[in-house]
Amino acid sequence: SDIEASRSAWAAMLGLPEPEISVTDTLDT
């Protein structure tokens, strides 16, 4: 439900940097 919070939690657990967030393309693409 909250990618920023989930990304931070996973990064802390895995000991990895937080990955970039991307957004899927719009319907026309």
PDB file of all heavy atoms in Angstrom:
ATOM      1  N   SER A   1       0.812  -1.213   0.000  1.00  0.00           N
ATOM      2  CA  SER A   1       0.000   0.000   0.000  1.00  0.00           C
ATOM      3  C   SER A   1       0.847   1.265   0.000  1.00  0.00           C
ATOM      4  O   SER A   1       0.373   2.314  -0.431  1.00  0.00           O
ATOM      5  CB  SER A   1      -0.948   0.008   1.207  1.00  0.00           C
ATOM      6  OG  SER A   1      -0.212  -0.079   2.412  1.00  0.00           O
ATOM      7  N   ASP A   2       2.095   1.173   0.468  1.00  0.00           N
ATOM      8  CA  ASP A   2       2.984   2.333   0.538  1.00  0.00           C
ATOM      9  C   ASP A   2       4.380   1.874   0.113  1.00  0.00           C
ATOM     10  O   ASP A   2       5.115   1.293   0.903  1.00  0.00           O
ATOM     11  CB  ASP A   2       3.001   2.887   1.960  1.00  0.00           C
ATOM     12  CG  ASP A   2       3.916   4.085   2.143  1.00  0.00           C
ATOM     13  OD1 ASP A   2       4.806   4.324   1.292  1.00  0.00           O
ATOM     14  OD2 ASP A   2       3.748   4.792   3.156  1.00  0.00           O
ATOM     15  N   ILE A   3       4.719   2.106  -1.137  1.00  0.00           N
ATOM     16  CA  ILE A   3       5.966   1.573  -1.670  1.00  0.00           C
ATOM     17  C   ILE A   3       7.198   2.174  -0.992  1.00  0.00           C
ATOM     18  O   ILE A   3       8.202   1.480  -0.821  1.00  0.00           O
ATOM     19  CB  ILE A   3       6.027   1.700  -3.209  1.00  0.00           C
ATOM     20  CG1 ILE A   3       7.068   0.723  -3.774  1.00  0.00           C
ATOM     21  CG2 ILE A   3       6.283   3.128  -3.636  1.00  0.00           C
ATOM     22  CD1 ILE A   3       6.951   0.461  -5.243  1.00  0.00           C
ATOM     23  N   GLU A   4       7.127   3.439  -0.588  1.00  0.00           N
ATOM     24  CA  GLU A   4       8.282   4.032   0.088  1.00  0.00           C
ATOM     25  C   GLU A   4       8.566   3.317   1.411  1.00  0.00           C
ATOM     26  O   GLU A   4       9.701   2.965   1.712  1.00  0.00           O
ATOM     27  CB  GLU A   4       8.094   5.537   0.324  1.00  0.00           C
ATOM     28  CG  GLU A   4       8.316   6.386  -0.900  1.00  0.00           C
ATOM     29  CD  GLU A   4       7.047   6.580  -1.728  1.00  0.00           C
ATOM     30  OE1 GLU A   4       5.967   6.047  -1.355  1.00  0.00           O
ATOM     31  OE2 GLU A   4       7.131   7.257  -2.770  1.00  0.00           O
ATOM     32  N   ALA A   5       7.526   3.094   2.210  1.00  0.00           N
ATOM     33  CA  ALA A   5       7.699   2.414   3.495  1.00  0.00           C
ATOM     34  C   ALA A   5       8.141   0.963   3.295  1.00  0.00           C
ATOM     35  O   ALA A   5       9.040   0.486   3.996  1.00  0.00           O
ATOM     36  CB  ALA A   5       6.403   2.468   4.301  1.00  0.00           C
ATOM     37  N   SER A   6       7.536   0.280   2.352  1.00  0.00           N
ATOM     38  CA  SER A   6       7.904  -1.120   2.094  1.00  0.00           C
ATOM     39  C   SER A   6       9.326  -1.229   1.567  1.00  0.00           C
ATOM     40  O   SER A   6      10.088  -2.115   1.980  1.00  0.00           O
ATOM     41  CB  SER A   6       6.929  -1.754   1.104  1.00  0.00           C
ATOM     42  OG  SER A   6       5.642  -1.833   1.673  1.00  0.00           O
ATOM     43  N   ARG A   7       9.681  -0.331   0.676  1.00  0.00           N
ATOM     44  CA  ARG A   7      11.038  -0.318   0.120  1.00  0.00           C
ATOM     45  C   ARG A   7      12.059  -0.120   1.240  1.00  0.00           C
ATOM     46  O   ARG A   7      13.083  -0.807   1.291  1.00  0.00           O
ATOM     47  CB  ARG A   7      11.145   0.782  -0.933  1.00  0.00           C
ATOM     48  CG  ARG A   7      12.537   0.992  -1.493  1.00  0.00           C
ATOM     49  CD  ARG A   7      12.570   2.097  -2.499  1.00  0.00           C
ATOM     50  NE  ARG A   7      12.354   3.405  -1.862  1.00  0.00           N
ATOM     51  CZ  ARG A   7      12.581   4.564  -2.444  1.00  0.00           C
ATOM     52  NH1 ARG A   7      13.043   4.605  -3.682  1.00  0.00           N
ATOM     53  NH2 ARG A   7      12.353   5.686  -1.813  1.00  0.00           N
ATOM     54  N   SER A   8      11.798   0.792   2.148  1.00  0.00           N
ATOM     55  CA  SER A   8      12.704   1.041   3.266  1.00  0.00           C
ATOM     56  C   SER A   8      12.820  -0.179   4.175  1.00  0.00           C
ATOM     57  O   SER A   8      13.924  -0.539   4.605  1.00  0.00           O
ATOM     58  CB  SER A   8      12.236   2.244   4.087  1.00  0.00           C
ATOM     59  OG  SER A   8      12.335   3.418   3.328  1.00  0.00           O
ATOM     60  N   ALA A   9      11.693  -0.810   4.468  1.00  0.00           N
ATOM     61  CA  ALA A   9      11.698  -1.990   5.338  1.00  0.00           C
ATOM     62  C   ALA A   9      12.472  -3.137   4.703  1.00  0.00           C
ATOM     63  O   ALA A   9      13.292  -3.797   5.363  1.00  0.00           O
ATOM     64  CB  ALA A   9      10.268  -2.416   5.660  1.00  0.00           C
ATOM     65  N   TRP A  10      12.222  -3.400   3.419  1.00  0.00           N
ATOM     66  CA  TRP A  10      12.941  -4.480   2.725  1.00  0.00           C
ATOM     67  C   TRP A  10      14.433  -4.163   2.641  1.00  0.00           C
ATOM     68  O   TRP A  10      15.271  -5.047   2.838  1.00  0.00           O
ATOM     69  CB  TRP A  10      12.358  -4.706   1.328  1.00  0.00           C
ATOM     70  CG  TRP A  10      11.156  -5.607   1.340  1.00  0.00           C
ATOM     71  CD1 TRP A  10       9.847  -5.231   1.410  1.00  0.00           C
ATOM     72  CD2 TRP A  10      11.158  -7.028   1.304  1.00  0.00           C
ATOM     73  NE1 TRP A  10       9.038  -6.335   1.401  1.00  0.00           N
ATOM     74  CE2 TRP A  10       9.812  -7.452   1.338  1.00  0.00           C
ATOM     75  CE3 TRP A  10      12.160  -7.987   1.230  1.00  0.00           C
ATOM     76  CZ2 TRP A  10       9.443  -8.794   1.312  1.00  0.00           C
ATOM     77  CZ3 TRP A  10      11.800  -9.331   1.197  1.00  0.00           C
ATOM     78  CH2 TRP A  10      10.453  -9.724   1.238  1.00  0.00           C
ATOM     79  N   ALA A  11      14.780  -2.932   2.335  1.00  0.00           N
ATOM     80  CA  ALA A  11      16.193  -2.549   2.229  1.00  0.00           C
ATOM     81  C   ALA A  11      16.903  -2.763   3.563  1.00  0.00           C
ATOM     82  O   ALA A  11      18.019  -3.297   3.607  1.00  0.00           O
ATOM     83  CB  ALA A  11      16.326  -1.099   1.773  1.00  0.00           C
ATOM     84  N   ALA A  12      16.261  -2.363   4.664  1.00  0.00           N
ATOM     85  CA  ALA A  12      16.867  -2.533   5.988  1.00  0.00           C
ATOM     86  C   ALA A  12      17.041  -4.016   6.313  1.00  0.00           C
ATOM     87  O   ALA A  12      18.096  -4.433   6.810  1.00  0.00           O
ATOM     88  CB  ALA A  12      16.009  -1.846   7.046  1.00  0.00           C
ATOM     89  N   MET A  13      16.025  -4.828   6.019  1.00  0.00           N
ATOM     90  CA  MET A  13      16.108  -6.253   6.309  1.00  0.00           C
ATOM     91  C   MET A  13      17.187  -6.939   5.470  1.00  0.00           C
ATOM     92  O   MET A  13      17.948  -7.762   5.961  1.00  0.00           O
ATOM     93  CB  MET A  13      14.766  -6.946   6.058  1.00  0.00           C
ATOM     94  CG  MET A  13      14.815  -8.441   6.361  1.00  0.00           C
ATOM     95  SD  MET A  13      13.323  -9.323   5.901  1.00  0.00           S
ATOM     96  CE  MET A  13      13.344  -9.202   4.129  1.00  0.00           C
ATOM     97  N   LEU A  14      17.266  -6.577   4.184  1.00  0.00           N
ATOM     98  CA  LEU A  14      18.224  -7.212   3.274  1.00  0.00           C
ATOM     99  C   LEU A  14      19.627  -6.627   3.378  1.00  0.00           C
ATOM    100  O   LEU A  14      20.589  -7.220   2.886  1.00  0.00           O
ATOM    101  CB  LEU A  14      17.728  -7.088   1.822  1.00  0.00           C
ATOM    102  CG  LEU A  14      16.419  -7.806   1.499  1.00  0.00           C
ATOM    103  CD1 LEU A  14      15.924  -7.391   0.120  1.00  0.00           C
ATOM    104  CD2 LEU A  14      16.589  -9.317   1.590  1.00  0.00           C
ATOM    105  N   GLY A  15      19.748  -5.454   3.984  1.00  0.00           N
ATOM    106  CA  GLY A  15      21.044  -4.791   4.049  1.00  0.00           C
ATOM    107  C   GLY A  15      21.482  -4.264   2.694  1.00  0.00           C
ATOM    108  O   GLY A  15      22.667  -4.249   2.366  1.00  0.00           O
ATOM    109  N   LEU A  16      20.507  -3.809   1.907  1.00  0.00           N
ATOM    110  CA  LEU A  16      20.766  -3.296   0.560  1.00  0.00           C
ATOM    111  C   LEU A  16      20.288  -1.852   0.453  1.00  0.00           C
ATOM    112  O   LEU A  16      19.419  -1.424   1.212  1.00  0.00           O
ATOM    113  CB  LEU A  16      20.030  -4.147  -0.484  1.00  0.00           C
ATOM    114  CG  LEU A  16      20.479  -5.595  -0.626  1.00  0.00           C
ATOM    115  CD1 LEU A  16      19.538  -6.339  -1.560  1.00  0.00           C
ATOM    116  CD2 LEU A  16      21.911  -5.657  -1.132  1.00  0.00           C
ATOM    117  N   PRO A  17      20.819  -1.116  -0.530  1.00  0.00           N
ATOM    118  CA  PRO A  17      20.293   0.242  -0.750  1.00  0.00           C
ATOM    119  C   PRO A  17      18.862   0.177  -1.283  1.00  0.00           C
ATOM    120  O   PRO A  17      18.454  -0.816  -1.889  1.00  0.00           O
ATOM    121  CB  PRO A  17      21.244   0.836  -1.788  1.00  0.00           C
ATOM    122  CG  PRO A  17      21.985  -0.301  -2.371  1.00  0.00           C
ATOM    123  CD  PRO A  17      21.918  -1.447  -1.422  1.00  0.00           C
ATOM    124  N   GLU A  18      18.132   1.242  -1.051  1.00  0.00           N
ATOM    125  CA  GLU A  18      16.766   1.312  -1.573  1.00  0.00           C
ATOM    126  C   GLU A  18      16.814   1.470  -3.093  1.00  0.00           C
ATOM    127  O   GLU A  18      17.488   2.372  -3.597  1.00  0.00           O
ATOM    128  CB  GLU A  18      16.011   2.481  -0.951  1.00  0.00           C
ATOM    129  CG  GLU A  18      15.758   2.301   0.524  1.00  0.00           C
ATOM    130  CD  GLU A  18      14.932   3.423   1.125  1.00  0.00           C
ATOM    131  OE1 GLU A  18      14.393   4.266   0.373  1.00  0.00           O
ATOM    132  OE2 GLU A  18      14.832   3.449   2.367  1.00  0.00           O
ATOM    133  N   PRO A  19      16.091   0.624  -3.816  1.00  0.00           N
ATOM    134  CA  PRO A  19      16.081   0.756  -5.283  1.00  0.00           C
ATOM    135  C   PRO A  19      15.223   1.933  -5.732  1.00  0.00           C
ATOM    136  O   PRO A  19      14.386   2.436  -4.990  1.00  0.00           O
ATOM    137  CB  PRO A  19      15.463  -0.568  -5.743  1.00  0.00           C
ATOM    138  CG  PRO A  19      14.594  -0.988  -4.609  1.00  0.00           C
ATOM    139  CD  PRO A  19      15.287  -0.497  -3.357  1.00  0.00           C
ATOM    140  N   GLU A  20      15.455   2.347  -6.976  1.00  0.00           N
ATOM    141  CA  GLU A  20      14.639   3.397  -7.587  1.00  0.00           C
ATOM    142  C   GLU A  20      13.195   2.898  -7.707  1.00  0.00           C
ATOM    143  O   GLU A  20      12.949   1.704  -7.819  1.00  0.00           O
ATOM    144  CB  GLU A  20      15.161   3.732  -8.986  1.00  0.00           C
ATOM    145  CG  GLU A  20      16.531   4.358  -8.998  1.00  0.00           C
ATOM    146  CD  GLU A  20      16.544   5.744  -8.386  1.00  0.00           C
ATOM    147  OE1 GLU A  20      15.596   6.510  -8.618  1.00  0.00           O
ATOM    148  OE2 GLU A  20      17.513   6.040  -7.658  1.00  0.00           O
ATOM    149  N   ILE A  21      12.272   3.828  -7.712  1.00  0.00           N
ATOM    150  CA  ILE A  21      10.862   3.526  -7.952  1.00  0.00           C
ATOM    151  C   ILE A  21      10.534   3.977  -9.364  1.00  0.00           C
ATOM    152  O   ILE A  21      10.860   5.094  -9.762  1.00  0.00           O
ATOM    153  CB  ILE A  21       9.963   4.244  -6.932  1.00  0.00           C
ATOM    154  CG1 ILE A  21      10.228   3.686  -5.534  1.00  0.00           C
ATOM    155  CG2 ILE A  21       8.489   4.089  -7.319  1.00  0.00           C
ATOM    156  CD1 ILE A  21       9.523   4.445  -4.425  1.00  0.00           C
ATOM    157  N   SER A  22       9.908   3.098 -10.124  1.00  0.00           N
ATOM    158  CA  SER A  22       9.461   3.440 -11.471  1.00  0.00           C
ATOM    159  C   SER A  22       7.934   3.338 -11.515  1.00  0.00           C
ATOM    160  O   SER A  22       7.318   2.748 -10.627  1.00  0.00           O
ATOM    161  CB  SER A  22      10.087   2.514 -12.515  1.00  0.00           C
ATOM    162  OG  SER A  22       9.681   1.175 -12.292  1.00  0.00           O
ATOM    163  N   VAL A  23       7.351   3.917 -12.552  1.00  0.00           N
ATOM    164  CA  VAL A  23       5.899   3.875 -12.737  1.00  0.00           C
ATOM    165  C   VAL A  23       5.618   3.243 -14.085  1.00  0.00           C
ATOM    166  O   VAL A  23       6.271   3.572 -15.089  1.00  0.00           O
ATOM    167  CB  VAL A  23       5.283   5.294 -12.659  1.00  0.00           C
ATOM    168  CG1 VAL A  23       3.781   5.245 -12.864  1.00  0.00           C
ATOM    169  CG2 VAL A  23       5.621   5.954 -11.325  1.00  0.00           C
ATOM    170  N   THR A  24       4.656   2.317 -14.107  1.00  0.00           N
ATOM    171  CA  THR A  24       4.302   1.674 -15.362  1.00  0.00           C
ATOM    172  C   THR A  24       3.758   2.705 -16.349  1.00  0.00           C
ATOM    173  O   THR A  24       3.277   3.772 -15.950  1.00  0.00           O
ATOM    174  CB  THR A  24       3.268   0.553 -15.144  1.00  0.00           C
ATOM    175  OG1 THR A  24       2.090   1.096 -14.549  1.00  0.00           O
ATOM    176  CG2 THR A  24       3.836  -0.560 -14.268  1.00  0.00           C
ATOM    177  N   ASP A  25       3.825   2.357 -17.609  1.00  0.00           N
ATOM    178  CA  ASP A  25       3.382   3.266 -18.663  1.00  0.00           C
ATOM    179  C   ASP A  25       1.864   3.458 -18.654  1.00  0.00           C
ATOM    180  O   ASP A  25       1.114   2.636 -18.121  1.00  0.00           O
ATOM    181  CB  ASP A  25       3.807   2.731 -20.032  1.00  0.00           C
ATOM    182  CG  ASP A  25       5.293   2.860 -20.270  1.00  0.00           C
ATOM    183  OD1 ASP A  25       5.895   3.850 -19.811  1.00  0.00           O
ATOM    184  OD2 ASP A  25       5.861   1.961 -20.920  1.00  0.00           O
ATOM    185  N   THR A  26       1.434   4.517 -19.304  1.00  0.00           N
ATOM    186  CA  THR A  26       0.012   4.815 -19.444  1.00  0.00           C
ATOM    187  C   THR A  26      -0.624   3.859 -20.446  1.00  0.00           C
ATOM    188  O   THR A  26       0.056   3.156 -21.197  1.00  0.00           O
ATOM    189  CB  THR A  26      -0.188   6.269 -19.907  1.00  0.00           C
ATOM    190  OG1 THR A  26       0.526   6.458 -21.130  1.00  0.00           O
ATOM    191  CG2 THR A  26       0.305   7.249 -18.866  1.00  0.00           C
ATOM    192  N   LEU A  27      -1.939   3.835 -20.457  1.00  0.00           N
ATOM    193  CA  LEU A  27      -2.703   2.924 -21.310  1.00  0.00           C
ATOM    194  C   LEU A  27      -2.293   3.016 -22.774  1.00  0.00           C
ATOM    195  O   LEU A  27      -2.166   1.996 -23.454  1.00  0.00           O
ATOM    196  CB  LEU A  27      -4.204   3.204 -21.159  1.00  0.00           C
ATOM    197  CG  LEU A  27      -5.144   2.399 -22.058  1.00  0.00           C
ATOM    198  CD1 LEU A  27      -5.010   0.906 -21.801  1.00  0.00           C
ATOM    199  CD2 LEU A  27      -6.583   2.855 -21.849  1.00  0.00           C
ATOM    200  N   ASP A  28      -2.049   4.218 -23.287  1.00  0.00           N
ATOM    201  CA  ASP A  28      -1.730   4.366 -24.706  1.00  0.00           C
ATOM    202  C   ASP A  28      -0.421   3.657 -25.073  1.00  0.00           C
ATOM    203  O   ASP A  28      -0.274   3.184 -26.199  1.00  0.00           O
ATOM    204  CB  ASP A  28      -1.688   5.839 -25.121  1.00  0.00           C
ATOM    205  CG  ASP A  28      -0.651   6.647 -24.369  1.00  0.00           C
ATOM    206  OD1 ASP A  28      -0.454   6.399 -23.160  1.00  0.00           O
ATOM    207  OD2 ASP A  28      -0.034   7.538 -24.979  1.00  0.00           O
ATOM    208  N   THR A  29       0.511   3.539 -24.148  1.00  0.00           N
ATOM    209  CA  THR A  29       1.778   2.856 -24.404  1.00  0.00           C
ATOM    210  C   THR A  29       1.723   1.398 -23.962  1.00  0.00           C
ATOM    211  O   THR A  29       2.125   0.502 -24.696  1.00  0.00           O
ATOM    212  CB  THR A  29       2.932   3.568 -23.667  1.00  0.00           C
ATOM    213  OG1 THR A  29       3.001   4.914 -24.130  1.00  0.00           O
ATOM    214  CG2 THR A  29       4.261   2.874 -23.918  1.00  0.00           C
TER     215      THR A  29
END
